[in-house]
Amino acid sequence: MTSRPALAPARSVDDHRQRIEDLLRPLASRDTERVPMAQALGRRLAEDVYAPLDLPVFRNSSMDGYAVRAESVASVPVTLPLAGVVAAGNPGENPLPEGAAMKVMTGAPIPPGADCVVPVEDTDGDGATVTIGKSRAAGDFVREPGTDVRAGDLLVAAGTVVAPRHVAALAAVGLGELTVTRRVRAAVLTTGDELMPAGTALQPGQIYNSNGLALAAALTDNGVEVVSVGHSTDDPARFRQVLAEAVAAADVVFTSGGVSKGDFEVVKDVLADAGGEFGSVAVQPGGPQGLTVVDGVPVLSFPGNPVSTVVSFEVFARPVLRWLAGLPEIRTAELELREAVRSPAGRRQFLRGRVRGDGVELVAGPGSHLIATMANADVLIDIPAEVTELPAGARVWVRWL
């Protein structure tokens, strides 16, 4: 376990986010793994990928029509004998006799001796002959080998996050596996005697555990592999056990709850003894925060109110996790407030908002329990710590959820 000095009171948002980035950035050097192409979507390539073959692989037709020699259709209309049919998947080894045509399907090999294709809409065939109504030049509607990519060409560069278009190209050259950077592995650990899993009947004083599922969903959506979602009561022995299991399986552990100033703050009580830093960040919601390193694994501790948990992840952890996964930066914009807002002095406030045209409207009050209302938000409205009120029409920065 690593001990650190205590957090200074009311650390700034930027300072706290930087501390988290400093803890997580070393994960950029994590190892690589081979994965099947079917599992490569969203993964970050660990090495350059070169084409092992030409595309197209062979000369083929880009149209349903008739393969001919251009000289045979220089003067039209002309009727040619039909020498055969070449379907896609046919080896296409039979040569085209002089003065004849072969019917070809899109993607079918061009028969030896043919140098162009006449589209079927420019012809009239009876099965034995075909009448060509429009002349064609050599090369018309013929796909030559390597006109898409040549063997040995760079196909996709290292560091690229594999998107569907990359899967299409990589599969087209016959690659079945890729070397990718292993995903960051995260464990989620919620705490509190009052929390119950969804689908169970609530007793007086109990609430449903939304934070575990919410954090797991947020992590997955930002390129992280969630290895476990656990829960502990407020019993320190139980928390130590569940935490040890999480640390053993993960690169980073996220906890929610138990970090404030109450009588049953199990996360703070246990991790402070392990050198954890617990204190206040000048933010609303999400003021109480904790940072600990346990057996070399960062443990990020968020407050337990549902909105505080979600906002803490969005503001403090999401940017660096997206960087580690190779995903685009979070989208931001400066928009016009549709209504006046107030904000507590000295605290940077993140209000939940909804974009409407070139403006943004509030969808909930500042309460850290209003998680259902937050479902209607698509952005966080960033109110600086030194601002206590803004009129309707003021320009504010927003970040997309």
Protein backbone atom coordinates (compact mmCIF):
# COMPACT_ATOMS: atom_id res chain seq x y z
CA MET A 1 0.00 0.00 0.00
CA THR A 2 1.14 3.53 -0.82
CA SER A 3 0.62 6.38 1.60
CA ARG A 4 0.11 9.97 0.52
CA PRO A 5 -0.45 13.27 2.31
CA ALA A 6 -4.03 14.27 3.00
CA LEU A 7 -6.00 16.22 0.40
CA ALA A 8 -5.97 19.96 0.98
CA PRO A 9 -9.44 21.31 1.72
CA ALA A 10 -11.49 22.30 -1.33
CA ARG A 11 -9.04 21.19 -3.98
CA SER A 12 -9.98 22.61 -7.39
CA VAL A 13 -11.71 20.49 -10.01
CA ASP A 14 -8.75 20.78 -12.37
CA ASP A 15 -6.26 19.81 -9.67
CA HIS A 16 -8.24 16.75 -8.65
CA ARG A 17 -8.74 15.67 -12.24
CA GLN A 18 -5.00 16.03 -12.83
CA ARG A 19 -4.25 13.82 -9.83
CA ILE A 20 -6.51 11.13 -11.28
CA GLU A 21 -4.90 11.46 -14.71
CA ASP A 22 -1.46 11.12 -13.14
CA LEU A 23 -2.58 7.89 -11.47
CA LEU A 24 -4.14 6.39 -14.60
CA ARG A 25 -1.84 7.52 -17.42
CA PRO A 26 0.73 4.77 -16.71
CA LEU A 27 -1.95 2.30 -17.88
CA ALA A 28 -1.15 3.46 -21.43
CA SER A 29 1.77 0.99 -21.37
CA ARG A 30 -0.44 -2.03 -20.66
CA ASP A 31 0.18 -5.19 -22.65
CA THR A 32 -1.35 -6.36 -25.93
CA GLU A 33 -3.43 -9.34 -26.95
CA ARG A 34 -4.64 -11.11 -30.09
CA VAL A 35 -8.37 -11.05 -30.66
CA PRO A 36 -10.60 -12.52 -33.38
CA MET A 37 -11.79 -10.01 -35.96
CA ALA A 38 -15.35 -10.42 -34.66
CA GLN A 39 -14.18 -9.01 -31.31
CA ALA A 40 -12.01 -6.21 -32.67
CA LEU A 41 -14.63 -3.48 -32.92
CA GLY A 42 -13.75 -0.60 -30.61
CA ARG A 43 -10.29 -1.97 -29.83
CA ARG A 44 -7.09 0.02 -30.30
CA LEU A 45 -4.61 -1.48 -32.76
CA ALA A 46 -1.23 -2.13 -31.17
CA GLU A 47 0.68 -2.40 -34.47
CA ASP A 48 0.46 -1.32 -38.09
CA VAL A 49 -1.54 -3.67 -40.30
CA TYR A 50 -0.33 -4.24 -43.88
CA ALA A 51 -2.34 -5.77 -46.68
CA PRO A 52 -1.26 -9.39 -47.26
CA LEU A 53 -2.70 -9.42 -50.79
CA ASP A 54 -4.01 -7.21 -53.58
CA LEU A 55 -7.57 -5.95 -53.65
CA PRO A 56 -9.27 -6.78 -55.89
CA VAL A 57 -7.57 -10.16 -55.82
CA PHE A 58 -8.30 -10.82 -59.54
CA ARG A 59 -9.76 -9.05 -62.58
CA ASN A 60 -13.51 -9.00 -62.15
CA SER A 61 -16.65 -7.38 -63.48
CA SER A 62 -18.20 -4.36 -61.80
CA MET A 63 -21.52 -4.95 -63.59
CA ASP A 64 -23.89 -7.72 -64.60
CA GLY A 65 -23.34 -7.89 -68.34
CA TYR A 66 -21.24 -9.44 -71.10
CA ALA A 67 -17.46 -9.75 -71.24
CA VAL A 68 -16.18 -9.00 -74.74
CA ARG A 69 -13.21 -7.69 -76.66
CA ALA A 70 -13.61 -3.96 -77.29
CA GLU A 71 -12.75 -4.49 -80.95
CA SER A 72 -15.74 -6.84 -81.27
CA VAL A 73 -18.19 -4.08 -80.30
CA ALA A 74 -16.49 -1.14 -82.02
CA SER A 75 -19.36 -1.01 -84.54
CA VAL A 76 -22.86 -1.41 -83.11
CA PRO A 77 -25.38 -2.85 -83.10
CA VAL A 78 -23.63 -6.18 -83.38
CA THR A 79 -24.80 -9.71 -82.52
CA LEU A 80 -22.26 -12.08 -80.97
CA PRO A 81 -22.52 -15.76 -80.09
CA LEU A 82 -22.70 -16.50 -76.37
CA ALA A 83 -19.74 -18.67 -75.33
CA GLY A 84 -20.77 -19.27 -71.71
CA VAL A 85 -21.72 -17.80 -68.36
CA VAL A 86 -19.31 -16.83 -65.57
CA ALA A 87 -20.86 -16.49 -62.11
CA ALA A 88 -19.26 -14.99 -59.01
CA GLY A 89 -17.12 -17.71 -57.44
CA ASN A 90 -16.39 -19.34 -60.82
CA PRO A 91 -12.64 -19.79 -61.46
CA GLY A 92 -13.09 -17.97 -64.79
CA GLU A 93 -10.39 -20.01 -66.50
CA ASN A 94 -12.08 -20.59 -69.86
CA PRO A 95 -10.82 -18.09 -72.45
CA LEU A 96 -13.17 -15.95 -74.52
CA PRO A 97 -13.24 -17.04 -78.17
CA GLU A 98 -12.62 -14.33 -80.74
CA GLY A 99 -15.78 -12.62 -81.91
CA ALA A 100 -17.87 -14.00 -79.03
CA ALA A 101 -19.24 -12.83 -75.65
CA MET A 102 -19.47 -14.40 -72.22
CA LYS A 103 -22.19 -13.46 -69.77
CA VAL A 104 -20.67 -12.32 -66.44
CA MET A 105 -22.14 -11.44 -63.06
CA THR A 106 -20.96 -8.62 -60.80
CA GLY A 107 -17.75 -9.77 -59.08
CA ALA A 108 -17.19 -12.66 -61.48
CA PRO A 109 -13.72 -13.13 -63.02
CA ILE A 110 -13.12 -11.58 -66.42
CA PRO A 111 -12.40 -14.48 -68.81
CA PRO A 112 -8.96 -14.50 -70.43
CA GLY A 113 -9.10 -12.60 -73.72
CA ALA A 114 -11.88 -10.20 -72.69
CA ASP A 115 -10.96 -6.57 -71.97
CA CYS A 116 -14.30 -4.87 -71.17
CA VAL A 117 -17.84 -5.53 -70.03
CA VAL A 118 -21.03 -4.34 -71.68
CA PRO A 119 -23.74 -3.77 -69.04
CA VAL A 120 -26.80 -5.96 -69.47
CA GLU A 121 -29.06 -2.93 -69.96
CA ASP A 122 -27.20 -2.17 -73.22
CA THR A 123 -27.85 -5.65 -74.63
CA ASP A 124 -30.58 -7.97 -75.82
CA GLY A 125 -29.86 -11.68 -75.44
CA ASP A 126 -31.79 -14.85 -76.34
CA GLY A 127 -29.55 -17.34 -74.55
CA ALA A 128 -27.58 -18.34 -77.65
CA THR A 129 -26.57 -14.90 -78.89
CA VAL A 130 -26.45 -11.38 -77.54
CA THR A 131 -27.01 -8.14 -79.43
CA ILE A 132 -24.78 -5.29 -78.23
CA GLY A 133 -26.32 -1.85 -78.62
CA LYS A 134 -23.46 0.31 -77.29
CA SER A 135 -19.73 0.09 -77.93
CA ARG A 136 -17.24 -0.03 -75.07
CA ALA A 137 -13.53 0.76 -74.64
CA ALA A 138 -10.95 -1.58 -73.16
CA GLY A 139 -11.12 -1.44 -69.36
CA ASP A 140 -14.78 -0.40 -69.12
CA PHE A 141 -16.42 -2.00 -66.07
CA VAL A 142 -13.34 -4.11 -65.36
CA ARG A 143 -11.83 -4.04 -61.86
CA GLU A 144 -8.10 -4.61 -62.06
CA PRO A 145 -6.13 -6.34 -59.26
CA GLY A 146 -4.62 -3.94 -56.74
CA THR A 147 -6.66 -0.89 -57.75
CA ASP A 148 -7.99 -0.73 -54.19
CA VAL A 149 -4.85 -1.72 -52.27
CA ARG A 150 -1.59 -3.47 -53.11
CA ALA A 151 -0.04 -6.27 -51.07
CA GLY A 152 2.34 -4.68 -48.59
CA ASP A 153 0.51 -1.34 -48.42
CA LEU A 154 -0.30 0.06 -44.98
CA LEU A 155 -3.95 -0.76 -44.40
CA VAL A 156 -4.65 0.56 -40.88
CA ALA A 157 -2.12 2.33 -38.66
CA ALA A 158 -1.23 1.41 -35.08
CA GLY A 159 -3.23 3.38 -32.54
CA THR A 160 -6.39 3.35 -34.63
CA VAL A 161 -9.57 2.45 -32.78
CA VAL A 162 -11.21 -0.18 -34.96
CA ALA A 163 -14.49 1.05 -36.45
CA PRO A 164 -16.88 -0.87 -38.73
CA ARG A 165 -15.15 0.54 -41.83
CA HIS A 166 -11.83 -0.85 -40.60
CA VAL A 167 -13.39 -4.25 -39.95
CA ALA A 168 -14.64 -4.27 -43.56
CA ALA A 169 -11.17 -3.54 -44.97
CA LEU A 170 -9.32 -5.92 -42.65
CA ALA A 171 -11.73 -8.77 -43.25
CA ALA A 172 -11.60 -8.17 -47.02
CA VAL A 173 -7.88 -9.00 -47.08
CA GLY A 174 -8.50 -12.18 -45.10
CA LEU A 175 -7.25 -11.22 -41.65
CA GLY A 176 -8.85 -13.32 -38.93
CA GLU A 177 -7.10 -11.83 -35.89
CA LEU A 178 -5.61 -8.51 -34.80
CA THR A 179 -3.10 -7.43 -32.17
CA VAL A 180 -4.76 -4.83 -29.96
CA THR A 181 -3.99 -3.03 -26.74
CA ARG A 182 -5.63 -4.75 -23.82
CA ARG A 183 -8.57 -2.82 -22.46
CA VAL A 184 -8.22 -1.11 -19.10
CA ARG A 185 -9.79 -3.44 -16.53
CA ALA A 186 -11.97 -1.78 -13.90
CA ALA A 187 -13.82 -3.05 -10.84
CA VAL A 188 -16.82 -1.25 -9.35
CA LEU A 189 -17.54 -1.42 -5.63
CA THR A 190 -20.61 0.17 -4.04
CA THR A 191 -21.13 0.47 -0.29
CA GLY A 192 -24.02 0.96 2.10
CA ASP A 193 -26.34 -1.15 4.25
CA GLU A 194 -29.31 0.59 2.64
CA LEU A 195 -28.61 -0.53 -0.94
CA MET A 196 -30.53 -3.41 -2.49
CA PRO A 197 -30.25 -4.96 -5.95
CA ALA A 198 -32.94 -4.26 -8.52
CA GLY A 199 -35.69 -6.87 -8.62
CA THR A 200 -35.88 -7.33 -4.86
CA ALA A 201 -38.58 -5.96 -2.54
CA LEU A 202 -37.53 -2.88 -0.59
CA GLN A 203 -37.90 -2.76 3.16
CA PRO A 204 -38.32 0.52 5.07
CA GLY A 205 -35.17 2.61 4.84
CA GLN A 206 -33.78 0.76 1.82
CA ILE A 207 -33.15 2.03 -1.74
CA TYR A 208 -32.09 0.39 -4.98
CA ASN A 209 -28.42 0.26 -5.91
CA SER A 210 -28.19 2.31 -9.12
CA ASN A 211 -24.56 3.36 -8.77
CA GLY A 212 -23.04 -0.04 -9.48
CA LEU A 213 -24.88 -0.47 -12.75
CA ALA A 214 -24.43 3.19 -13.69
CA LEU A 215 -20.66 3.13 -13.21
CA ALA A 216 -20.33 -0.19 -15.03
CA ALA A 217 -22.32 1.19 -17.97
CA ALA A 218 -20.27 4.40 -18.05
CA LEU A 219 -17.00 2.47 -18.00
CA THR A 220 -18.09 0.11 -20.76
CA ASP A 221 -19.28 3.03 -22.88
CA ASN A 222 -15.81 4.58 -22.62
CA GLY A 223 -13.75 1.60 -23.71
CA VAL A 224 -13.13 -0.05 -20.34
CA GLU A 225 -13.57 -3.74 -19.51
CA VAL A 226 -15.58 -4.11 -16.31
CA VAL A 227 -14.27 -7.19 -14.52
CA SER A 228 -16.55 -7.05 -11.49
CA VAL A 229 -19.39 -5.10 -9.91
CA GLY A 230 -19.42 -5.76 -6.18
CA HIS A 231 -21.16 -4.43 -3.11
CA SER A 232 -20.18 -4.15 0.53
CA THR A 233 -22.14 -3.40 3.65
CA ASP A 234 -20.85 -0.77 6.04
CA ASP A 235 -18.89 -3.44 7.90
CA PRO A 236 -15.13 -2.71 7.56
CA ALA A 237 -14.17 -6.37 7.45
CA ARG A 238 -16.58 -7.03 4.60
CA PHE A 239 -15.34 -3.97 2.71
CA ARG A 240 -11.71 -5.06 3.07
CA GLN A 241 -12.58 -8.48 1.66
CA VAL A 242 -14.50 -7.17 -1.35
CA LEU A 243 -11.86 -4.50 -2.00
CA ALA A 244 -9.07 -7.08 -1.99
CA GLU A 245 -10.92 -9.14 -4.58
CA ALA A 246 -11.46 -6.06 -6.76
CA VAL A 247 -7.83 -4.93 -6.53
CA ALA A 248 -6.59 -8.41 -7.48
CA ALA A 249 -8.64 -8.40 -10.69
CA ALA A 250 -8.46 -4.80 -11.93
CA ASP A 251 -6.18 -2.01 -13.13
CA VAL A 252 -8.36 0.56 -11.38
CA VAL A 253 -11.15 0.33 -8.80
CA PHE A 254 -14.10 2.72 -8.51
CA THR A 255 -15.99 2.95 -5.23
CA SER A 256 -19.15 4.91 -4.44
CA GLY A 257 -20.35 5.93 -1.01
CA GLY A 258 -18.69 6.04 2.38
CA VAL A 259 -16.42 9.06 1.77
CA SER A 260 -18.14 11.94 3.57
CA LYS A 261 -18.28 13.05 7.24
CA GLY A 262 -20.95 10.76 8.66
CA ASP A 263 -20.68 8.02 11.26
CA PHE A 264 -20.60 5.07 8.84
CA GLU A 265 -18.08 6.09 6.16
CA VAL A 266 -16.56 2.65 5.62
CA VAL A 267 -14.53 3.55 2.52
CA LYS A 268 -12.92 6.53 4.16
CA ASP A 269 -12.35 4.73 7.47
CA VAL A 270 -10.63 1.74 5.86
CA LEU A 271 -8.67 3.46 3.09
CA ALA A 272 -7.47 6.40 5.18
CA ASP A 273 -5.56 3.86 7.25
CA ALA A 274 -4.06 2.58 3.97
CA GLY A 275 -2.70 6.01 3.05
CA GLY A 276 -5.78 7.21 1.19
CA GLU A 277 -6.43 10.91 0.60
CA PHE A 278 -9.93 12.04 1.54
CA GLY A 279 -11.24 15.57 1.50
CA SER A 280 -13.35 18.11 -0.34
CA VAL A 281 -13.13 19.22 -3.95
CA ALA A 282 -14.63 22.62 -4.82
CA VAL A 283 -17.39 21.16 -6.96
CA GLN A 284 -21.15 20.62 -6.83
CA PRO A 285 -22.29 17.90 -6.92
CA GLY A 286 -19.56 15.51 -5.83
CA GLY A 287 -17.59 17.45 -3.22
CA PRO A 288 -16.30 14.54 -1.07
CA GLN A 289 -13.64 12.60 -2.97
CA GLY A 290 -10.96 10.05 -2.21
CA LEU A 291 -7.79 8.74 -3.85
CA THR A 292 -5.83 5.68 -2.71
CA VAL A 293 -3.31 3.31 -4.22
CA VAL A 294 -3.72 -0.25 -2.93
CA ASP A 295 -1.09 -2.78 -3.97
CA GLY A 296 -0.24 -0.57 -6.95
CA VAL A 297 -3.87 -0.25 -8.08
CA PRO A 298 -5.53 3.21 -8.07
CA VAL A 299 -8.79 3.32 -6.11
CA LEU A 300 -11.02 6.28 -7.01
CA SER A 301 -13.67 6.93 -4.38
CA PHE A 302 -16.78 8.92 -5.30
CA PRO A 303 -19.63 10.08 -3.05
CA GLY A 304 -22.68 7.85 -2.89
CA ASN A 305 -25.51 10.15 -3.99
CA PRO A 306 -26.40 8.91 -7.50
CA VAL A 307 -25.96 12.21 -9.35
CA SER A 308 -22.71 12.85 -7.48
CA THR A 309 -21.39 9.47 -8.60
CA VAL A 310 -22.31 10.03 -12.24
CA VAL A 311 -20.99 13.59 -12.36
CA SER A 312 -17.77 12.58 -10.58
CA PHE A 313 -17.12 9.97 -13.23
CA GLU A 314 -17.93 12.38 -16.07
CA VAL A 315 -15.73 15.19 -14.77
CA PHE A 316 -12.80 13.38 -13.17
CA ALA A 317 -12.37 9.95 -14.80
CA ARG A 318 -14.00 9.91 -18.20
CA PRO A 319 -11.49 12.16 -20.03
CA VAL A 320 -8.42 10.08 -19.19
CA LEU A 321 -10.23 6.76 -19.71
CA ARG A 322 -11.21 7.85 -23.23
CA TRP A 323 -7.62 8.84 -23.90
CA LEU A 324 -6.43 5.43 -22.74
CA ALA A 325 -8.96 3.73 -25.02
CA GLY A 326 -8.06 5.90 -28.00
CA LEU A 327 -11.56 7.36 -28.18
CA PRO A 328 -12.33 10.95 -29.27
CA GLU A 329 -12.27 13.69 -26.67
CA ILE A 330 -15.56 14.63 -25.01
CA ARG A 331 -17.51 17.06 -27.14
CA THR A 332 -17.88 20.58 -25.73
CA ALA A 333 -19.51 23.79 -26.97
CA GLU A 334 -20.40 27.28 -25.81
CA LEU A 335 -24.18 27.77 -25.81
CA GLU A 336 -26.74 30.31 -24.63
CA LEU A 337 -28.56 29.76 -21.36
CA ARG A 338 -32.33 29.62 -21.81
CA GLU A 339 -32.94 30.66 -18.19
CA ALA A 340 -31.14 32.32 -15.30
CA VAL A 341 -29.08 30.17 -12.90
CA ARG A 342 -27.59 30.57 -9.44
CA SER A 343 -24.46 28.82 -8.21
CA PRO A 344 -22.76 28.53 -4.79
CA ALA A 345 -19.77 30.80 -4.30
CA GLY A 346 -16.42 29.04 -4.49
CA ARG A 347 -17.72 25.82 -6.03
CA ARG A 348 -17.63 24.88 -9.69
CA GLN A 349 -21.12 23.66 -10.45
CA PHE A 350 -22.13 21.12 -13.08
CA LEU A 351 -25.83 21.47 -13.81
CA ARG A 352 -27.74 18.95 -15.89
CA GLY A 353 -29.01 20.42 -19.15
CA ARG A 354 -30.63 19.68 -22.47
CA VAL A 355 -29.53 21.26 -25.75
CA ARG A 356 -32.23 23.06 -27.71
CA GLY A 357 -30.98 24.58 -30.96
CA ASP A 358 -28.10 26.91 -30.12
CA GLY A 359 -29.13 27.09 -26.46
CA VAL A 360 -29.27 24.93 -23.37
CA GLU A 361 -32.04 24.55 -20.77
CA LEU A 362 -31.96 23.09 -17.27
CA VAL A 363 -33.62 19.72 -16.72
CA ALA A 364 -33.18 19.45 -12.95
CA GLY A 365 -32.22 21.35 -9.86
CA PRO A 366 -28.80 21.02 -8.23
CA GLY A 367 -29.85 18.20 -5.88
CA SER A 368 -27.47 15.24 -5.97
CA HIS A 369 -30.36 12.77 -5.56
CA LEU A 370 -32.25 13.74 -8.75
CA ILE A 371 -31.01 10.81 -10.80
CA ALA A 372 -34.30 10.06 -12.60
CA THR A 373 -34.53 13.63 -13.87
CA MET A 374 -30.94 13.41 -15.07
CA ALA A 375 -32.06 10.85 -17.63
CA ASN A 376 -33.52 13.78 -19.59
CA ALA A 377 -30.16 15.57 -19.79
CA ASP A 378 -27.67 15.32 -22.62
CA VAL A 379 -25.05 17.77 -21.33
CA LEU A 380 -23.45 19.10 -18.18
CA ILE A 381 -23.50 22.90 -17.86
CA ASP A 382 -20.16 24.10 -16.47
CA ILE A 383 -20.54 27.09 -14.10
CA PRO A 384 -17.15 28.45 -12.93
CA ALA A 385 -16.40 28.54 -9.19
CA GLU A 386 -16.21 32.34 -9.12
CA VAL A 387 -19.68 32.79 -10.70
CA THR A 388 -22.71 32.97 -8.40
CA GLU A 389 -25.42 33.83 -10.93
CA LEU A 390 -25.96 34.13 -14.66
CA PRO A 391 -28.91 35.68 -16.52
CA ALA A 392 -30.83 34.05 -19.33
CA GLY A 393 -28.90 34.62 -22.53
CA ALA A 394 -25.46 34.28 -20.94
CA ARG A 395 -22.98 32.04 -22.75
CA VAL A 396 -21.88 28.90 -20.92
CA TRP A 397 -19.72 25.93 -21.73
CA VAL A 398 -21.38 22.52 -21.89
CA ARG A 399 -19.94 19.02 -22.17
CA TRP A 400 -21.90 16.19 -23.71
CA LEU A 401 -22.77 13.23 -21.51
